[in-house]
Amino acid sequence: MDHRASASLATLWDEVSGTQPGPDLWLVIVTLAAAFAVVALRGSWRVARNAITIAHEGGHGLVALLTGRTLTGITLHSDTSGLTVSRGKPHGIGMILTAVAGYTAPPLLGLGGAALLASGRITLLLWLATALLLALLVMIRNPYGVLTVLLSGGAFVLVSWLTGPQVQAAFAYAVVWFLLLGGVRPAFELQVMRSRGEVGDSDADQLARLTHAPAAVWFLLFHAVSLCSLLGGGQWLLGL
């Protein structure tokens, strides 16, 4: 029995960690166009931005844990805002990295996803995304947040188990394109809203207080990370 179980686990791991054939270039371009439309159009972006918020707050939470802070909880709101609460020193490198992680998490996740897809590991990407969403679910502290994370994780599970290789590839490429493109827009939106006085204490403002560097420096960092991730990840996805 133990031998059969070990063999089954080994087979499953080989299937998950193995490589799969990538989609044709036309499908890669179609997923790029679809992701661009979702990000560019106001109506679709208003809904899809929830996924970027999940990645944003997840980035805060993950880096808080990695830097030794105590993660208290994460809330996600229907207006696509979110809040990650952690305990620890209110200053220092841990707090700075935690604050930086929000706006940089979606494009960096997209870049990592592009690297996996470029190496043909479509199944591994789908499973890793599902695992990250399940881990995040444990820290969600409000019903709307639980619902959005469950729906997101459910989509990955359904695609992984119920669809064929071509659909899985199309879904994976669309998700990664969305993270890369959708990771660019929020920092620009924040900058515009901040100039109008429509936001309070943003991540850039917190970083300005923590480091005594102007908020503009942190906006420059957010833009650099997102645009470089889009450029590099896009080249990998297109096979350039």
Protein backbone atom coordinates (compact mmCIF):
# COMPACT_ATOMS: atom_id res chain seq x y z
CA MET A 1 0.00 0.00 0.00
CA ASP A 2 2.77 2.43 0.95
CA HIS A 3 4.63 1.53 -2.24
CA ARG A 4 1.58 2.21 -4.40
CA ALA A 5 0.94 5.50 -2.61
CA SER A 6 4.56 6.57 -3.13
CA ALA A 7 4.38 5.59 -6.79
CA SER A 8 1.16 7.58 -7.22
CA LEU A 9 2.68 10.65 -5.58
CA ALA A 10 5.77 10.34 -7.75
CA THR A 11 3.61 10.08 -10.86
CA LEU A 12 1.57 13.11 -9.79
CA TRP A 13 4.71 15.14 -9.12
CA ASP A 14 6.14 14.18 -12.51
CA GLU A 15 2.91 15.31 -14.15
CA VAL A 16 2.84 18.62 -12.26
CA SER A 17 6.52 19.48 -12.60
CA GLY A 18 6.90 18.24 -16.18
CA THR A 19 6.66 20.34 -19.30
CA GLN A 20 3.74 20.73 -21.67
CA PRO A 21 3.74 22.03 -25.25
CA GLY A 22 3.09 25.74 -25.47
CA PRO A 23 0.22 27.20 -27.50
CA ASP A 24 0.57 28.49 -31.03
CA LEU A 25 1.67 32.10 -31.42
CA TRP A 26 -1.78 33.17 -32.60
CA LEU A 27 -3.28 31.99 -29.30
CA VAL A 28 -0.61 33.84 -27.31
CA ILE A 29 -1.52 37.02 -29.22
CA VAL A 30 -5.25 36.44 -28.68
CA THR A 31 -4.72 36.09 -24.91
CA LEU A 32 -2.59 39.26 -24.98
CA ALA A 33 -5.38 41.15 -26.76
CA ALA A 34 -8.00 39.83 -24.35
CA ALA A 35 -5.96 40.78 -21.29
CA PHE A 36 -5.26 44.23 -22.73
CA ALA A 37 -8.96 44.80 -23.36
CA VAL A 38 -9.84 43.78 -19.79
CA VAL A 39 -7.25 46.17 -18.35
CA ALA A 40 -7.95 49.06 -20.74
CA LEU A 41 -11.77 49.12 -20.58
CA ARG A 42 -13.19 50.82 -17.52
CA GLY A 43 -16.08 48.42 -16.93
CA SER A 44 -14.08 45.21 -17.15
CA TRP A 45 -11.18 46.71 -15.21
CA ARG A 46 -13.48 47.65 -12.33
CA VAL A 47 -14.27 43.96 -11.85
CA ALA A 48 -10.94 42.42 -12.84
CA ARG A 49 -8.98 44.77 -10.59
CA ASN A 50 -10.10 42.59 -7.68
CA ALA A 51 -7.56 40.00 -8.87
CA ILE A 52 -4.79 42.61 -8.81
CA THR A 53 -5.84 43.57 -5.29
CA ILE A 54 -5.55 39.93 -4.23
CA ALA A 55 -1.99 39.84 -5.57
CA HIS A 56 -1.22 43.27 -4.05
CA GLU A 57 -2.37 42.38 -0.55
CA GLY A 58 -0.90 38.90 -0.85
CA GLY A 59 2.45 40.52 -1.62
CA HIS A 60 2.23 42.64 1.52
CA GLY A 61 1.34 39.57 3.59
CA LEU A 62 4.03 37.28 2.18
CA VAL A 63 6.84 39.78 2.63
CA ALA A 64 5.61 40.63 6.13
CA LEU A 65 5.99 36.96 7.06
CA LEU A 66 9.36 36.61 5.32
CA THR A 67 10.75 39.60 7.20
CA GLY A 68 9.66 38.25 10.58
CA ARG A 69 6.54 40.30 11.12
CA THR A 70 3.33 38.78 12.49
CA LEU A 71 0.57 38.77 9.89
CA THR A 72 -2.73 39.56 11.60
CA GLY A 73 -5.09 39.44 8.65
CA ILE A 74 -6.07 40.68 5.20
CA THR A 75 -9.32 42.29 4.10
CA LEU A 76 -10.49 42.81 0.51
CA HIS A 77 -13.28 45.27 -0.31
CA SER A 78 -15.79 45.53 -3.14
CA ASP A 79 -14.31 48.87 -4.27
CA THR A 80 -11.10 46.88 -5.05
CA SER A 81 -9.24 48.37 -2.10
CA GLY A 82 -7.64 46.17 0.53
CA LEU A 83 -5.79 46.22 3.82
CA THR A 84 -3.06 43.99 5.21
CA VAL A 85 -2.37 44.25 8.93
CA SER A 86 0.85 42.97 10.46
CA ARG A 87 2.54 43.44 13.82
CA GLY A 88 6.17 44.26 14.41
CA LYS A 89 8.50 47.24 14.52
CA PRO A 90 6.81 50.26 12.90
CA HIS A 91 10.07 51.08 11.13
CA GLY A 92 13.12 49.37 9.70
CA ILE A 93 13.84 47.23 6.66
CA GLY A 94 11.04 44.74 7.35
CA MET A 95 8.39 47.44 7.32
CA ILE A 96 9.90 49.07 4.22
CA LEU A 97 9.98 45.82 2.24
CA THR A 98 6.43 45.01 3.34
CA ALA A 99 5.21 48.39 2.08
CA VAL A 100 7.12 48.06 -1.21
CA ALA A 101 5.69 44.59 -1.88
CA GLY A 102 2.13 45.69 -2.64
CA TYR A 103 2.45 47.49 -5.98
CA THR A 104 5.38 45.34 -7.08
CA ALA A 105 3.74 41.96 -6.36
CA PRO A 106 1.34 41.67 -9.36
CA PRO A 107 3.95 42.45 -12.06
CA LEU A 108 6.59 40.29 -10.36
CA LEU A 109 4.11 37.42 -10.12
CA GLY A 110 3.43 37.94 -13.82
CA LEU A 111 7.16 37.86 -14.55
CA GLY A 112 7.55 34.64 -12.59
CA GLY A 113 4.55 33.16 -14.39
CA ALA A 114 6.03 34.15 -17.75
CA ALA A 115 9.27 32.36 -16.83
CA LEU A 116 7.32 29.19 -16.02
CA LEU A 117 5.32 29.36 -19.25
CA ALA A 118 8.45 30.01 -21.30
CA SER A 119 9.88 26.77 -19.89
CA GLY A 120 6.66 24.88 -20.71
CA ARG A 121 5.50 24.38 -17.12
CA ILE A 122 1.84 25.23 -17.59
CA THR A 123 0.50 22.68 -15.08
CA LEU A 124 2.98 23.77 -12.43
CA LEU A 125 1.89 27.39 -12.82
CA LEU A 126 -1.79 26.47 -12.38
CA TRP A 127 -1.07 24.40 -9.28
CA LEU A 128 1.22 26.99 -7.72
CA ALA A 129 -1.40 29.70 -8.24
CA THR A 130 -4.02 27.49 -6.59
CA ALA A 131 -1.72 26.79 -3.64
CA LEU A 132 -0.96 30.50 -3.15
CA LEU A 133 -4.66 31.36 -3.18
CA LEU A 134 -5.42 28.64 -0.63
CA ALA A 135 -2.64 29.92 1.63
CA LEU A 136 -3.99 33.45 1.27
CA LEU A 137 -7.52 32.31 2.11
CA VAL A 138 -6.42 31.41 5.64
CA MET A 139 -5.56 35.05 6.34
CA ILE A 140 -8.67 36.69 4.84
CA ARG A 141 -10.81 38.35 7.50
CA ASN A 142 -13.98 39.49 5.73
CA PRO A 143 -16.74 37.72 3.73
CA TYR A 144 -16.17 39.61 0.48
CA GLY A 145 -12.50 38.76 0.59
CA VAL A 146 -13.24 35.08 1.21
CA LEU A 147 -15.68 35.07 -1.73
CA THR A 148 -13.24 36.67 -4.20
CA VAL A 149 -10.37 34.37 -3.24
CA LEU A 150 -12.60 31.29 -3.40
CA LEU A 151 -13.88 32.27 -6.85
CA SER A 152 -10.35 32.90 -8.07
CA GLY A 153 -9.05 29.62 -6.66
CA GLY A 154 -12.09 27.77 -7.97
CA ALA A 155 -11.38 29.00 -11.49
CA PHE A 156 -7.87 27.57 -11.34
CA VAL A 157 -9.11 24.24 -9.94
CA LEU A 158 -11.80 23.88 -12.60
CA VAL A 159 -9.41 24.67 -15.44
CA SER A 160 -6.75 22.33 -14.03
CA TRP A 161 -9.09 19.35 -13.60
CA LEU A 162 -11.82 19.70 -16.20
CA THR A 163 -10.19 21.11 -19.33
CA GLY A 164 -7.69 19.94 -21.91
CA PRO A 165 -4.13 21.14 -22.56
CA GLN A 166 -5.09 23.86 -25.05
CA VAL A 167 -7.65 25.45 -22.73
CA GLN A 168 -5.24 25.23 -19.80
CA ALA A 169 -2.53 26.91 -21.87
CA ALA A 170 -4.87 29.68 -23.02
CA PHE A 171 -6.06 30.30 -19.45
CA ALA A 172 -2.52 30.34 -18.06
CA TYR A 173 -1.28 32.76 -20.72
CA ALA A 174 -4.29 35.03 -20.23
CA VAL A 175 -3.72 35.14 -16.46
CA VAL A 176 -0.03 35.97 -16.83
CA TRP A 177 -0.69 38.64 -19.46
CA PHE A 178 -3.30 40.12 -17.14
CA LEU A 179 -0.86 40.27 -14.22
CA LEU A 180 1.80 41.90 -16.39
CA LEU A 181 -0.55 44.46 -17.94
CA GLY A 182 -2.74 44.93 -14.88
CA GLY A 183 0.36 45.44 -12.75
CA VAL A 184 1.14 48.63 -14.67
CA ARG A 185 -2.12 50.52 -14.24
CA PRO A 186 -2.63 50.76 -10.42
CA ALA A 187 0.46 52.88 -9.70
CA PHE A 188 -0.55 55.38 -12.37
CA GLU A 189 -4.10 55.45 -10.98
CA LEU A 190 -2.77 56.05 -7.47
CA GLN A 191 -0.52 58.85 -8.68
CA VAL A 192 -3.42 60.62 -10.39
CA MET A 193 -5.77 60.18 -7.42
CA ARG A 194 -3.09 61.34 -5.01
CA SER A 195 -2.50 64.50 -7.06
CA ARG A 196 -6.22 65.24 -6.74
CA GLY A 197 -6.22 64.63 -3.00
CA GLU A 198 -8.55 61.64 -3.39
CA VAL A 199 -6.47 59.18 -1.37
CA GLY A 200 -5.21 59.29 2.16
CA ASP A 201 -2.24 57.33 3.39
CA SER A 202 -0.97 55.40 0.36
CA ASP A 203 1.90 52.93 0.21
CA ALA A 204 4.07 55.63 -1.37
CA ASP A 205 3.28 58.03 1.50
CA GLN A 206 4.10 55.36 4.09
CA LEU A 207 7.40 54.65 2.36
CA ALA A 208 8.18 58.38 2.25
CA ARG A 209 7.75 58.56 6.03
CA LEU A 210 9.73 55.38 6.66
CA THR A 211 12.70 56.34 4.46
CA HIS A 212 12.54 60.16 4.26
CA ALA A 213 12.72 59.76 0.46
CA PRO A 214 10.00 61.61 -1.50
CA ALA A 215 6.92 59.66 -2.55
CA ALA A 216 7.93 60.36 -6.16
CA VAL A 217 10.94 58.07 -5.68
CA TRP A 218 8.66 55.20 -4.72
CA PHE A 219 6.30 55.86 -7.60
CA LEU A 220 9.33 55.69 -9.88
CA LEU A 221 10.22 52.31 -8.35
CA PHE A 222 6.66 50.99 -8.81
CA HIS A 223 6.64 52.11 -12.46
CA ALA A 224 10.10 50.70 -13.14
CA VAL A 225 9.23 47.29 -11.71
CA SER A 226 5.91 47.02 -13.53
CA LEU A 227 7.16 48.25 -16.91
CA CYS A 228 10.35 46.16 -16.81
CA SER A 229 8.33 43.10 -15.81
CA LEU A 230 5.94 43.71 -18.71
CA LEU A 231 8.83 44.10 -21.14
CA GLY A 232 10.74 41.04 -19.94
CA GLY A 233 7.71 38.84 -19.37
CA GLY A 234 6.19 39.83 -22.69
CA GLN A 235 9.35 38.81 -24.54
CA TRP A 236 9.29 35.40 -22.83
CA LEU A 237 5.62 34.84 -23.61
CA LEU A 238 6.05 35.81 -27.25
CA GLY A 239 9.20 33.71 -27.57
CA LEU A 240 11.39 36.66 -28.55
